[in-house]
C-alpha atoms as a PDB file:
ATOM      1  CA  GLY A   1       0.114   0.038   0.034  1.00  0.00           C
ATOM      2  CA  GLY A   2       1.107   3.480  -0.580  1.00  0.00           C
ATOM      3  CA  GLY A   3       3.174   2.678  -3.725  1.00  0.00           C
ATOM      4  CA  LYS A   4       3.449   4.382  -6.784  1.00  0.00           C
ATOM      5  CA  ALA A   5       2.818   2.945 -10.191  1.00  0.00           C
ATOM      6  CA  THR A   6       5.471   3.819 -12.824  1.00  0.00           C
ATOM      7  CA  GLY A   7       6.010   3.199 -16.529  1.00  0.00           C
ATOM      8  CA  TYR A   8       8.387   0.587 -17.661  1.00  0.00           C
ATOM      9  CA  SER A   9      10.369   0.188 -21.177  1.00  0.00           C
ATOM     10  CA  LEU A  10       9.836  -2.535 -23.272  1.00  0.00           C
ATOM     11  CA  ASP A  11      11.508  -3.658 -26.570  1.00  0.00           C
ATOM     12  CA  ARG A  12       9.336  -5.189 -29.480  1.00  0.00           C
ATOM     13  CA  ASP A  13      10.946  -8.534 -30.402  1.00  0.00           C
ATOM     14  CA  LYS A  14       9.665  -9.148 -33.686  1.00  0.00           C
ATOM     15  CA  GLU A  15      11.307 -12.495 -33.969  1.00  0.00           C
ATOM     16  CA  ALA A  16       9.705 -13.682 -30.674  1.00  0.00           C
ATOM     17  CA  SER A  17       6.656 -11.839 -31.276  1.00  0.00           C
ATOM     18  CA  GLY A  18       6.478 -10.413 -27.855  1.00  0.00           C
ATOM     19  CA  TRP A  19       7.108  -7.290 -25.790  1.00  0.00           C
ATOM     20  CA  LEU A  20      10.280  -7.880 -23.753  1.00  0.00           C
ATOM     21  CA  ASP A  21      11.846  -6.114 -21.076  1.00  0.00           C
ATOM     22  CA  GLU A  22      15.702  -5.801 -20.514  1.00  0.00           C
ATOM     23  CA  ASP A  23      15.451  -9.275 -18.669  1.00  0.00           C
ATOM     24  CA  ASN A  24      13.945 -10.860 -21.583  1.00  0.00           C
ATOM     25  CA  THR A  25      10.591 -11.184 -19.469  1.00  0.00           C
ATOM     26  CA  ASP A  26       7.712 -11.235 -21.927  1.00  0.00           C
ATOM     27  CA  TRP A  27       4.975  -8.780 -21.187  1.00  0.00           C
ATOM     28  CA  SER A  28       2.583  -9.532 -24.141  1.00  0.00           C
ATOM     29  CA  ASN A  29      -0.202 -10.051 -22.130  1.00  0.00           C
ATOM     30  CA  ALA A  30      -0.104  -6.650 -20.883  1.00  0.00           C
ATOM     31  CA  VAL A  31       0.328  -4.851 -24.096  1.00  0.00           C
ATOM     32  CA  MET A  32      -2.706  -5.256 -26.230  1.00  0.00           C
ATOM     33  CA  PHE A  33      -1.213  -3.541 -29.508  1.00  0.00           C
ATOM     34  CA  ASP A  34       1.289  -3.428 -31.985  1.00  0.00           C
ATOM     35  CA  LEU A  35       3.523  -0.799 -33.670  1.00  0.00           C
ATOM     36  CA  PRO A  36       4.691  -0.374 -36.972  1.00  0.00           C
ATOM     37  CA  ASP A  37       8.360   0.087 -37.587  1.00  0.00           C
ATOM     38  CA  LEU A  38       8.882   1.203 -41.230  1.00  0.00           C
ATOM     39  CA  ASP A  39      11.778   3.083 -41.911  1.00  0.00           C
ATOM     40  CA  VAL A  40      12.611   3.078 -45.882  1.00  0.00           C
ATOM     41  CA  PHE A  41      10.429   3.063 -48.386  1.00  0.00           C
ATOM     42  CA  ALA A  42      10.722   2.608 -52.374  1.00  0.00           C
ATOM     43  CA  ILE A  43       8.350   4.537 -54.466  1.00  0.00           C
ATOM     44  CA  ASP A  44       7.288   4.319 -57.893  1.00  0.00           C
ATOM     45  CA  ALA A  45       7.625   7.916 -59.239  1.00  0.00           C
ATOM     46  CA  THR A  46       6.701   7.035 -62.493  1.00  0.00           C
ATOM     47  CA  ALA A  47       3.307   6.006 -61.821  1.00  0.00           C
ATOM     48  CA  ASP A  48       0.333   8.343 -62.421  1.00  0.00           C
ATOM     49  CA  ILE A  49      -0.154   8.277 -58.673  1.00  0.00           C
ATOM     50  CA  PRO A  50       3.407   7.795 -56.996  1.00  0.00           C
ATOM     51  CA  ALA A  51       2.832   4.899 -54.613  1.00  0.00           C
ATOM     52  CA  VAL A  52       4.878   2.760 -52.081  1.00  0.00           C
ATOM     53  CA  VAL A  53       6.038  -0.374 -53.693  1.00  0.00           C
ATOM     54  CA  GLN A  54       8.389  -2.066 -51.216  1.00  0.00           C
ATOM     55  CA  GLN A  55       9.550  -0.973 -47.622  1.00  0.00           C
ATOM     56  CA  THR A  56      11.669  -2.396 -45.000  1.00  0.00           C
ATOM     57  CA  SER A  57      12.132  -1.867 -41.174  1.00  0.00           C
ATOM     58  CA  GLY A  58      14.644  -2.201 -38.526  1.00  0.00           C
ATOM     59  CA  VAL A  59      17.072   0.240 -40.083  1.00  0.00           C
ATOM     60  CA  GLY A  60      17.505   2.527 -36.990  1.00  0.00           C
ATOM     61  CA  THR A  61      15.929   4.588 -34.437  1.00  0.00           C
ATOM     62  CA  VAL A  62      16.718   8.028 -35.770  1.00  0.00           C
ATOM     63  CA  LEU A  63      17.553   7.997 -39.306  1.00  0.00           C
ATOM     64  CA  PHE A  64      19.685  11.055 -40.896  1.00  0.00           C
ATOM     65  CA  ASN A  65      20.595  10.566 -44.577  1.00  0.00           C
ATOM     66  CA  MET A  66      20.780   7.964 -47.524  1.00  0.00           C
ATOM     67  CA  ALA A  67      23.216   7.446 -50.262  1.00  0.00           C
ATOM     68  CA  SER A  68      23.095   5.096 -53.147  1.00  0.00           C
ATOM     69  CA  ASN A  69      26.114   3.445 -54.351  1.00  0.00           C
ATOM     70  CA  PRO A  70      26.374   3.958 -57.981  1.00  0.00           C
ATOM     71  CA  GLN A  71      28.032   0.679 -58.823  1.00  0.00           C
ATOM     72  CA  SER A  72      26.287  -1.821 -56.451  1.00  0.00           C
ATOM     73  CA  GLY A  73      22.929  -0.177 -55.886  1.00  0.00           C
ATOM     74  CA  GLU A  74      23.121  -0.789 -52.138  1.00  0.00           C
ATOM     75  CA  LEU A  75      21.674   1.926 -49.779  1.00  0.00           C
ATOM     76  CA  TYR A  76      23.364   3.189 -47.027  1.00  0.00           C
ATOM     77  CA  VAL A  77      21.737   5.220 -44.198  1.00  0.00           C
ATOM     78  CA  SER A  78      23.141   7.124 -41.472  1.00  0.00           C
ATOM     79  CA  ASN A  79      21.349   6.455 -38.064  1.00  0.00           C
ATOM     80  CA  LEU A  80      21.361   6.408 -34.379  1.00  0.00           C
ATOM     81  CA  GLU A  81      20.318   3.182 -32.502  1.00  0.00           C
ATOM     82  CA  SER A  82      19.028   4.440 -29.321  1.00  0.00           C
ATOM     83  CA  LEU A  83      19.324   2.052 -26.532  1.00  0.00           C
ATOM     84  CA  ASN A  84      16.260   3.485 -24.433  1.00  0.00           C
ATOM     85  CA  HIS A  85      14.958   0.118 -23.676  1.00  0.00           C
ATOM     86  CA  ILE A  86      17.915  -0.210 -21.031  1.00  0.00           C
ATOM     87  CA  ARG A  87      17.221   1.249 -17.637  1.00  0.00           C
ATOM     88  CA  PHE A  88      19.206   3.538 -15.565  1.00  0.00           C
ATOM     89  CA  GLU A  89      22.093   5.859 -15.667  1.00  0.00           C
ATOM     90  CA  GLY A  90      24.000   5.124 -12.543  1.00  0.00           C
ATOM     91  CA  PRO A  91      27.350   3.512 -12.331  1.00  0.00           C
ATOM     92  CA  GLY A  92      25.845  -0.005 -12.723  1.00  0.00           C
ATOM     93  CA  GLU A  93      26.890  -1.617  -9.610  1.00  0.00           C
ATOM     94  CA  THR A  94      23.431  -3.226  -8.676  1.00  0.00           C
ATOM     95  CA  ALA A  95      21.564  -2.651 -12.031  1.00  0.00           C
ATOM     96  CA  THR A  96      21.617  -2.194 -15.466  1.00  0.00           C
ATOM     97  CA  THR A  97      23.149   1.266 -17.058  1.00  0.00           C
ATOM     98  CA  VAL A  98      23.280   3.416 -20.223  1.00  0.00           C
ATOM     99  CA  ARG A  99      25.887   5.424 -19.145  1.00  0.00           C
ATOM    100  CA  GLY A 100      28.319   5.977 -21.624  1.00  0.00           C
ATOM    101  CA  ARG A 101      26.741   4.067 -24.464  1.00  0.00           C
ATOM    102  CA  ILE A 102      23.278   6.080 -25.024  1.00  0.00           C
ATOM    103  CA  ALA A 103      23.048   5.794 -28.639  1.00  0.00           C
ATOM    104  CA  GLU A 104      25.062   3.881 -31.162  1.00  0.00           C
ATOM    105  CA  SER A 105      26.132   5.689 -34.524  1.00  0.00           C
ATOM    106  CA  ARG A 106      25.624   3.565 -37.156  1.00  0.00           C
ATOM    107  CA  ILE A 107      25.810   2.979 -41.185  1.00  0.00           C
ATOM    108  CA  THR A 108      23.011   0.472 -42.156  1.00  0.00           C
ATOM    109  CA  VAL A 109      23.442  -1.099 -45.452  1.00  0.00           C
ATOM    110  CA  ILE A 110      20.298  -2.221 -47.562  1.00  0.00           C
ATOM    111  CA  GLU A 111      20.857  -4.182 -50.272  1.00  0.00           C
ATOM    112  CA  ALA A 112      19.249  -3.274 -53.578  1.00  0.00           C
ATOM    113  CA  PHE A 113      15.527  -3.394 -53.292  1.00  0.00           C
ATOM    114  CA  ASN A 114      14.272  -7.045 -54.330  1.00  0.00           C
ATOM    115  CA  ASP A 115      11.950  -9.730 -53.025  1.00  0.00           C
ATOM    116  CA  ASN A 116      14.563 -10.508 -49.958  1.00  0.00           C
ATOM    117  CA  ILE A 117      15.783  -7.094 -48.644  1.00  0.00           C
ATOM    118  CA  GLY A 118      18.942  -7.567 -46.416  1.00  0.00           C
ATOM    119  CA  LEU A 119      20.329  -5.094 -43.640  1.00  0.00           C
ATOM    120  CA  THR A 120      23.888  -5.129 -42.470  1.00  0.00           C
ATOM    121  CA  HIS A 121      24.293  -2.616 -39.220  1.00  0.00           C
ATOM    122  CA  THR A 122      27.790  -1.264 -38.838  1.00  0.00           C
ATOM    123  CA  HIS A 123      28.320   0.255 -35.469  1.00  0.00           C
ATOM    124  CA  LEU A 124      30.940   2.843 -36.030  1.00  0.00           C
ATOM    125  CA  ASN A 125      32.511   2.946 -32.333  1.00  0.00           C
ATOM    126  CA  GLN A 126      33.002  -0.806 -31.737  1.00  0.00           C
ATOM    127  CA  HIS A 127      36.617  -0.044 -30.754  1.00  0.00           C
ATOM    128  CA  ILE A 128      35.324   1.293 -27.571  1.00  0.00           C
ATOM    129  CA  ASP A 129      35.218  -0.696 -24.255  1.00  0.00           C
ATOM    130  CA  PHE A 130      31.857   0.618 -22.823  1.00  0.00           C
ATOM    131  CA  ALA A 131      32.308  -1.880 -19.818  1.00  0.00           C
ATOM    132  CA  VAL A 132      34.688   0.482 -17.859  1.00  0.00           C
ATOM    133  CA  GLU A 133      33.961   2.030 -14.290  1.00  0.00           C
ATOM    134  CA  GLU A 134      32.457   5.304 -14.022  1.00  0.00           C
ATOM    135  CA  GLY A 135      34.804   8.326 -14.368  1.00  0.00           C
ATOM    136  CA  ALA A 136      37.112   6.120 -16.558  1.00  0.00           C
ATOM    137  CA  THR A 137      39.547   7.961 -18.765  1.00  0.00           C
ATOM    138  CA  TYR A 138      39.997   6.688 -22.533  1.00  0.00           C
ATOM    139  CA  PRO A 139      43.023   6.738 -24.445  1.00  0.00           C
ATOM    140  CA  ASP A 140      43.272   9.711 -26.425  1.00  0.00           C
ATOM    141  CA  ALA A 141      43.848   7.192 -29.515  1.00  0.00           C
ATOM    142  CA  ASP A 142      40.491   5.350 -29.117  1.00  0.00           C
ATOM    143  CA  VAL A 143      38.701   8.902 -28.846  1.00  0.00           C
ATOM    144  CA  ARG A 144      40.141   9.856 -32.094  1.00  0.00           C
ATOM    145  CA  ARG A 145      38.828   7.071 -33.829  1.00  0.00           C
ATOM    146  CA  SER A 146      34.981   7.591 -32.567  1.00  0.00           C
ATOM    147  CA  LEU A 147      32.428   8.696 -34.855  1.00  0.00           C
ATOM    148  CA  SER A 148      29.496  10.389 -33.454  1.00  0.00           C
ATOM    149  CA  GLN A 149      26.255  11.587 -34.965  1.00  0.00           C
ATOM    150  CA  PRO A 150      26.620  10.428 -38.689  1.00  0.00           C
ATOM    151  CA  ALA A 151      24.768  12.609 -40.940  1.00  0.00           C
ATOM    152  CA  SER A 152      25.247  13.674 -44.470  1.00  0.00           C
ATOM    153  CA  LEU A 153      26.476  10.698 -46.991  1.00  0.00           C
ATOM    154  CA  VAL A 154      28.064  10.600 -50.448  1.00  0.00           C
ATOM    155  CA  VAL A 155      29.665   7.818 -52.181  1.00  0.00           C
ATOM    156  CA  SER A 156      32.821   7.734 -54.441  1.00  0.00           C
ATOM    157  CA  PRO A 157      32.207   7.270 -58.373  1.00  0.00           C
ATOM    158  CA  ASP A 158      33.771   3.948 -58.130  1.00  0.00           C
ATOM    159  CA  GLY A 159      31.466   2.861 -55.520  1.00  0.00           C
ATOM    160  CA  SER A 160      34.632   2.193 -53.053  1.00  0.00           C
ATOM    161  CA  ARG A 161      34.311   4.875 -50.525  1.00  0.00           C
ATOM    162  CA  LEU A 162      31.454   6.071 -48.553  1.00  0.00           C
ATOM    163  CA  TYR A 163      32.069   9.516 -47.215  1.00  0.00           C
ATOM    164  CA  VAL A 164      30.618  10.196 -43.795  1.00  0.00           C
ATOM    165  CA  ALA A 165      30.124  13.474 -42.037  1.00  0.00           C
ATOM    166  CA  ALA A 166      30.198  12.935 -38.488  1.00  0.00           C
ATOM    167  CA  PHE A 167      28.268  16.072 -37.088  1.00  0.00           C
ATOM    168  CA  GLY A 168      29.484  15.487 -33.562  1.00  0.00           C
ATOM    169  CA  SER A 169      33.206  14.667 -34.218  1.00  0.00           C
ATOM    170  CA  ALA A 170      34.177  17.370 -36.605  1.00  0.00           C
ATOM    171  CA  LYS A 171      35.390  15.304 -38.939  1.00  0.00           C
ATOM    172  CA  VAL A 172      34.510  13.411 -42.294  1.00  0.00           C
ATOM    173  CA  ALA A 173      35.294   9.729 -42.645  1.00  0.00           C
ATOM    174  CA  ALA A 174      36.048   7.904 -45.674  1.00  0.00           C
ATOM    175  CA  ILE A 175      34.857   4.298 -44.901  1.00  0.00           C
ATOM    176  CA  PRO A 176      35.344   1.558 -47.418  1.00  0.00           C
ATOM    177  CA  THR A 177      32.259   0.110 -48.691  1.00  0.00           C
ATOM    178  CA  ASP A 178      33.309  -3.520 -48.689  1.00  0.00           C
ATOM    179  CA  GLN A 179      33.856  -3.083 -44.825  1.00  0.00           C
ATOM    180  CA  LEU A 180      30.302  -2.073 -44.378  1.00  0.00           C
ATOM    181  CA  ARG A 181      29.043  -4.619 -46.807  1.00  0.00           C
ATOM    182  CA  SER A 182      30.450  -7.457 -44.635  1.00  0.00           C
ATOM    183  CA  GLY A 183      29.877  -5.989 -41.617  1.00  0.00           C
ATOM    184  CA  ASN A 184      33.743  -5.813 -40.710  1.00  0.00           C
ATOM    185  CA  TYR A 185      34.407  -2.107 -40.305  1.00  0.00           C
ATOM    186  CA  VAL A 186      37.581  -1.028 -38.809  1.00  0.00           C
ATOM    187  CA  PRO A 187      37.943   2.665 -37.100  1.00  0.00           C
ATOM    188  CA  ASN A 188      40.973   4.131 -38.801  1.00  0.00           C
ATOM    189  CA  PRO A 189      41.692   8.143 -37.913  1.00  0.00           C
ATOM    190  CA  ALA A 190      44.026   7.855 -41.175  1.00  0.00           C
ATOM    191  CA  PHE A 191      41.010   8.081 -43.154  1.00  0.00           C
ATOM    192  CA  HIS A 192      39.229  11.015 -41.107  1.00  0.00           C
ATOM    193  CA  ALA A 193      39.413  14.515 -42.387  1.00  0.00           C
ATOM    194  CA  GLU A 194      39.573  16.855 -39.255  1.00  0.00           C
ATOM    195  CA  LEU A 195      37.578  19.840 -39.412  1.00  0.00           C
ATOM    196  CA  PRO A 196      38.398  22.353 -36.568  1.00  0.00           C
ATOM    197  CA  ALA A 197      35.316  24.672 -37.486  1.00  0.00           C
ATOM    198  CA  GLY A 198      33.006  21.822 -36.139  1.00  0.00           C
ATOM    199  CA  GLY A 199      29.654  20.290 -37.125  1.00  0.00           C
ATOM    200  CA  PRO A 200      29.979  19.099 -40.511  1.00  0.00           C
ATOM    201  CA  ALA A 201      26.502  18.826 -42.069  1.00  0.00           C
ATOM    202  CA  GLY A 202      26.712  18.683 -46.117  1.00  0.00           C
ATOM    203  CA  LEU A 203      28.704  17.161 -48.354  1.00  0.00           C
ATOM    204  CA  ALA A 204      29.227  17.647 -52.136  1.00  0.00           C
ATOM    205  CA  LEU A 205      31.709  15.444 -54.248  1.00  0.00           C
ATOM    206  CA  SER A 206      33.093  16.679 -57.694  1.00  0.00           C
ATOM    207  CA  PRO A 207      32.147  14.218 -60.599  1.00  0.00           C
ATOM    208  CA  ASP A 208      35.897  12.762 -60.547  1.00  0.00           C
ATOM    209  CA  GLY A 209      35.718  12.259 -56.851  1.00  0.00           C
ATOM    210  CA  LYS A 210      38.965  14.069 -56.252  1.00  0.00           C
ATOM    211  CA  ARG A 211      37.451  17.384 -54.251  1.00  0.00           C
ATOM    212  CA  MET A 212      34.820  17.618 -51.788  1.00  0.00           C
ATOM    213  CA  LEU A 213      32.950  20.738 -50.237  1.00  0.00           C
ATOM    214  CA  VAL A 214      31.960  20.216 -46.736  1.00  0.00           C
ATOM    215  CA  TYR A 215      29.712  22.502 -44.829  1.00  0.00           C
ATOM    216  CA  THR A 216      30.388  23.426 -41.243  1.00  0.00           C
ATOM    217  CA  ARG A 217      27.358  24.196 -39.288  1.00  0.00           C
ATOM    218  CA  PHE A 218      29.248  25.456 -36.231  1.00  0.00           C
ATOM    219  CA  ASP A 219      30.653  28.276 -38.084  1.00  0.00           C
ATOM    220  CA  ASN A 220      28.451  28.525 -41.001  1.00  0.00           C
ATOM    221  CA  GLY A 221      31.312  27.924 -43.512  1.00  0.00           C
ATOM    222  CA  ILE A 222      32.592  25.565 -46.359  1.00  0.00           C
ATOM    223  CA  SER A 223      35.886  23.561 -46.390  1.00  0.00           C
ATOM    224  CA  LEU A 224      37.255  22.455 -49.614  1.00  0.00           C
ATOM    225  CA  TRP A 225      39.104  18.816 -49.304  1.00  0.00           C
ATOM    226  CA  ASN A 226      41.103  17.017 -51.458  1.00  0.00           C
ATOM    227  CA  THR A 227      40.250  13.388 -51.108  1.00  0.00           C
ATOM    228  CA  GLU A 228      43.080  11.892 -52.698  1.00  0.00           C
ATOM    229  CA  SER A 229      45.862  13.299 -50.444  1.00  0.00           C
ATOM    230  CA  GLY A 230      43.663  14.007 -47.464  1.00  0.00           C
ATOM    231  CA  GLU A 231      44.764  17.850 -47.453  1.00  0.00           C
ATOM    232  CA  MET A 232      42.325  20.491 -46.575  1.00  0.00           C
ATOM    233  CA  LEU A 233      42.760  22.960 -49.150  1.00  0.00           C
ATOM    234  CA  ASP A 234      40.811  26.129 -47.979  1.00  0.00           C
ATOM    235  CA  HIS A 235      38.037  27.207 -45.739  1.00  0.00           C
ATOM    236  CA  LEU A 236      35.684  29.822 -46.118  1.00  0.00           C
ATOM    237  CA  ALA A 237      33.377  31.298 -43.468  1.00  0.00           C
ATOM    238  CA  LEU A 238      30.113  32.396 -44.676  1.00  0.00           C
ATOM    239  CA  PHE A 239      27.805  35.289 -43.134  1.00  0.00           C
ATOM    240  CA  ASN A 240      26.233  34.350 -39.964  1.00  0.00           C
ATOM    241  CA  PRO A 241      23.699  36.510 -38.459  1.00  0.00           C
ATOM    242  CA  GLU A 242      24.080  34.310 -35.057  1.00  0.00           C
ATOM    243  CA  PRO A 243      25.611  35.994 -32.030  1.00  0.00           C
ATOM    244  CA  ALA A 244      29.025  34.791 -31.092  1.00  0.00           C
ATOM    245  CA  ASN A 245      27.971  33.138 -27.586  1.00  0.00           C
ATOM    246  CA  ILE A 246      25.378  31.040 -29.650  1.00  0.00           C
ATOM    247  CA  GLN A 247      27.999  29.876 -32.174  1.00  0.00           C
ATOM    248  CA  ARG A 248      30.615  29.040 -29.351  1.00  0.00           C
ATOM    249  CA  GLY A 249      27.688  27.151 -27.180  1.00  0.00           C
ATOM    250  CA  ARG A 250      26.542  24.962 -30.137  1.00  0.00           C
ATOM    251  CA  ALA A 251      29.480  22.664 -29.341  1.00  0.00           C
ATOM    252  CA  PHE A 252      28.118  21.841 -25.662  1.00  0.00           C
ATOM    253  CA  LEU A 253      24.998  20.203 -27.295  1.00  0.00           C
ATOM    254  CA  TYR A 254      26.535  18.528 -30.425  1.00  0.00           C
ATOM    255  CA  ASP A 255      30.173  17.802 -29.935  1.00  0.00           C
ATOM    256  CA  ALA A 256      30.763  14.190 -28.149  1.00  0.00           C
ATOM    257  CA  ARG A 257      34.392  15.206 -27.659  1.00  0.00           C
ATOM    258  CA  GLU A 258      33.478  18.000 -25.339  1.00  0.00           C
ATOM    259  CA  SER A 259      30.512  15.833 -23.665  1.00  0.00           C
ATOM    260  CA  SER A 260      31.519  12.342 -23.608  1.00  0.00           C
ATOM    261  CA  ALA A 261      34.601  10.401 -22.257  1.00  0.00           C
ATOM    262  CA  ASN A 262      34.664   8.180 -25.119  1.00  0.00           C
ATOM    263  CA  GLY A 263      33.627  10.789 -28.033  1.00  0.00           C
ATOM    264  CA  THR A 264      30.590   8.618 -29.044  1.00  0.00           C
ATOM    265  CA  SER A 265      27.641  10.460 -27.631  1.00  0.00           C
ATOM    266  CA  ALA A 266      26.486  14.028 -27.048  1.00  0.00           C
ATOM    267  CA  CYS A 267      23.511  15.946 -25.616  1.00  0.00           C
ATOM    268  CA  SER A 268      22.066  15.717 -29.200  1.00  0.00           C
ATOM    269  CA  SER A 269      22.265  11.953 -29.007  1.00  0.00           C
ATOM    270  CA  CYS A 270      18.792  12.335 -27.406  1.00  0.00           C
ATOM    271  CA  HIS A 271      17.956  15.816 -27.863  1.00  0.00           C
ATOM    272  CA  ILE A 272      18.153  15.755 -31.666  1.00  0.00           C
ATOM    273  CA  PHE A 273      19.055  18.760 -33.300  1.00  0.00           C
ATOM    274  CA  GLY A 274      17.876  20.421 -30.159  1.00  0.00           C
ATOM    275  CA  ASP A 275      14.356  18.889 -30.125  1.00  0.00           C
ATOM    276  CA  MET A 276      13.239  15.571 -28.921  1.00  0.00           C
ATOM    277  CA  ASP A 277      13.912  11.888 -30.111  1.00  0.00           C
ATOM    278  CA  GLN A 278      10.410  10.874 -29.072  1.00  0.00           C
ATOM    279  CA  LEU A 279      11.626   8.282 -26.890  1.00  0.00           C
ATOM    280  CA  ALA A 280      10.990   7.594 -23.360  1.00  0.00           C
ATOM    281  CA  TRP A 281      14.098   7.069 -21.219  1.00  0.00           C
ATOM    282  CA  ASP A 282      14.266   5.406 -17.612  1.00  0.00           C
ATOM    283  CA  LEU A 283      17.469   7.639 -16.254  1.00  0.00           C
ATOM    284  CA  GLY A 284      17.221   6.840 -12.719  1.00  0.00           C
ATOM    285  CA  ASN A 285      19.913   5.638 -10.444  1.00  0.00           C
ATOM    286  CA  PRO A 286      19.112   2.863  -8.029  1.00  0.00           C
ATOM    287  CA  ASP A 287      22.598   2.772  -6.783  1.00  0.00           C
ATOM    288  CA  ALA A 288      22.277   6.351  -5.329  1.00  0.00           C
ATOM    289  CA  LEU A 289      20.774   7.948  -2.288  1.00  0.00           C
ATOM    290  CA  LEU A 290      18.247  10.620  -1.532  1.00  0.00           C
ATOM    291  CA  GLN A 291      19.693  14.190  -1.458  1.00  0.00           C
ATOM    292  CA  GLU A 292      18.379  16.981   0.460  1.00  0.00           C
ATOM    293  CA  ASN A 293      17.320  19.736  -1.712  1.00  0.00           C
ATOM    294  CA  PRO A 294      19.620  23.001  -0.308  1.00  0.00           C
ATOM    295  CA  ASN A 295      17.118  25.357  -2.112  1.00  0.00           C
ATOM    296  CA  GLU A 296      15.206  27.572   0.198  1.00  0.00           C
ATOM    297  CA  TYR A 297      11.979  27.666  -1.776  1.00  0.00           C
ATOM    298  CA  VAL A 298      11.404  24.916  -4.570  1.00  0.00           C
ATOM    299  CA  THR A 299       7.741  23.621  -5.501  1.00  0.00           C
ATOM    300  CA  ARG A 300       6.720  20.700  -7.693  1.00  0.00           C
ATOM    301  CA  SER A 301       3.213  21.067  -8.372  1.00  0.00           C
ATOM    302  CA  ILE A 302       1.391  21.883  -5.101  1.00  0.00           C
ATOM    303  CA  LYS A 303       3.946  19.929  -2.913  1.00  0.00           C
ATOM    304  CA  THR A 304       7.378  21.408  -1.527  1.00  0.00           C
ATOM    305  CA  THR A 305      10.198  19.418  -2.915  1.00  0.00           C
ATOM    306  CA  THR A 306      12.606  18.516   0.148  1.00  0.00           C
ATOM    307  CA  HIS A 307      14.555  15.836  -1.567  1.00  0.00           C
ATOM    308  CA  PHE A 308      15.886  15.046  -4.729  1.00  0.00           C
ATOM    309  CA  HIS A 309      15.016  11.285  -5.479  1.00  0.00           C
ATOM    310  CA  PRO A 310      17.493   9.387  -7.470  1.00  0.00           C
ATOM    311  CA  MET A 311      14.620   7.071  -9.383  1.00  0.00           C
ATOM    312  CA  LYS A 312      12.852   8.936 -11.926  1.00  0.00           C
ATOM    313  CA  GLY A 313      11.087   6.488 -13.936  1.00  0.00           C
ATOM    314  CA  PRO A 314      10.600   6.928 -17.642  1.00  0.00           C
ATOM    315  CA  MET A 315      10.479  10.600 -19.036  1.00  0.00           C
ATOM    316  CA  THR A 316      10.665  12.119 -22.604  1.00  0.00           C
ATOM    317  CA  THR A 317      13.579  14.406 -23.558  1.00  0.00           C
END
């Protein structure tokens, strides 16, 4: 008696045809509905009334961009796979935790649309050991290999390279498409073009694949990159009416190197482009204690909040 009910995060396991919690307990008897999970659609644009002819699911939680390989016809989708089905954000001493691994930055390969659509997911930061103690410091060499929030995509004319704008890592990565196809991607900073201006959000490749224009959102600028030598040739800052403090502050939302020890996640991994990811997260900490509220006058609803409770229950961003 006197207890309070709270929500619980479940994951829809389509293979098991059930709603499972983090311990794989099936709660299907309590969830009397299903939810669609349709991500990428093929549309017949030549029909009198354009119509969807094929669709696929399971691509990712938050999808950013797509690019087609001109040689193989494969589709590449930049996305985040959010791990909100894992409860709590504490140190993980007595419970699960998403600390340090809120959302995985991924490239999903979709085989050319046919009767049997195949998906291959590549986690771009599989070099990171996420099973470390709270407050651990990662080697700088590992952090430099990380790629956060893959955004714009473009494929080389011969189909051998996928160029990925890592919005949260201030770099563009040239990834061998055969590694994405096989799922054997090896992070390599030697194939990363550093962009000190930050926030690469747009890519335009020359027809011969030797030059690339990169738009950097943090400073509202354009960089010219020699894709053969790896040299940044020039940078031009465009007119930007934003106040300087807004420009400087943008890194605190998006730059994963500023806000995560391993360089994989930033505030924008949940607050997508300053908005919502439309997900509920249970970010309580069962390993923590009640904390006394030091403020003299603090109200929540009609009750005075004298203590901060470490357990929150599911909440949206």
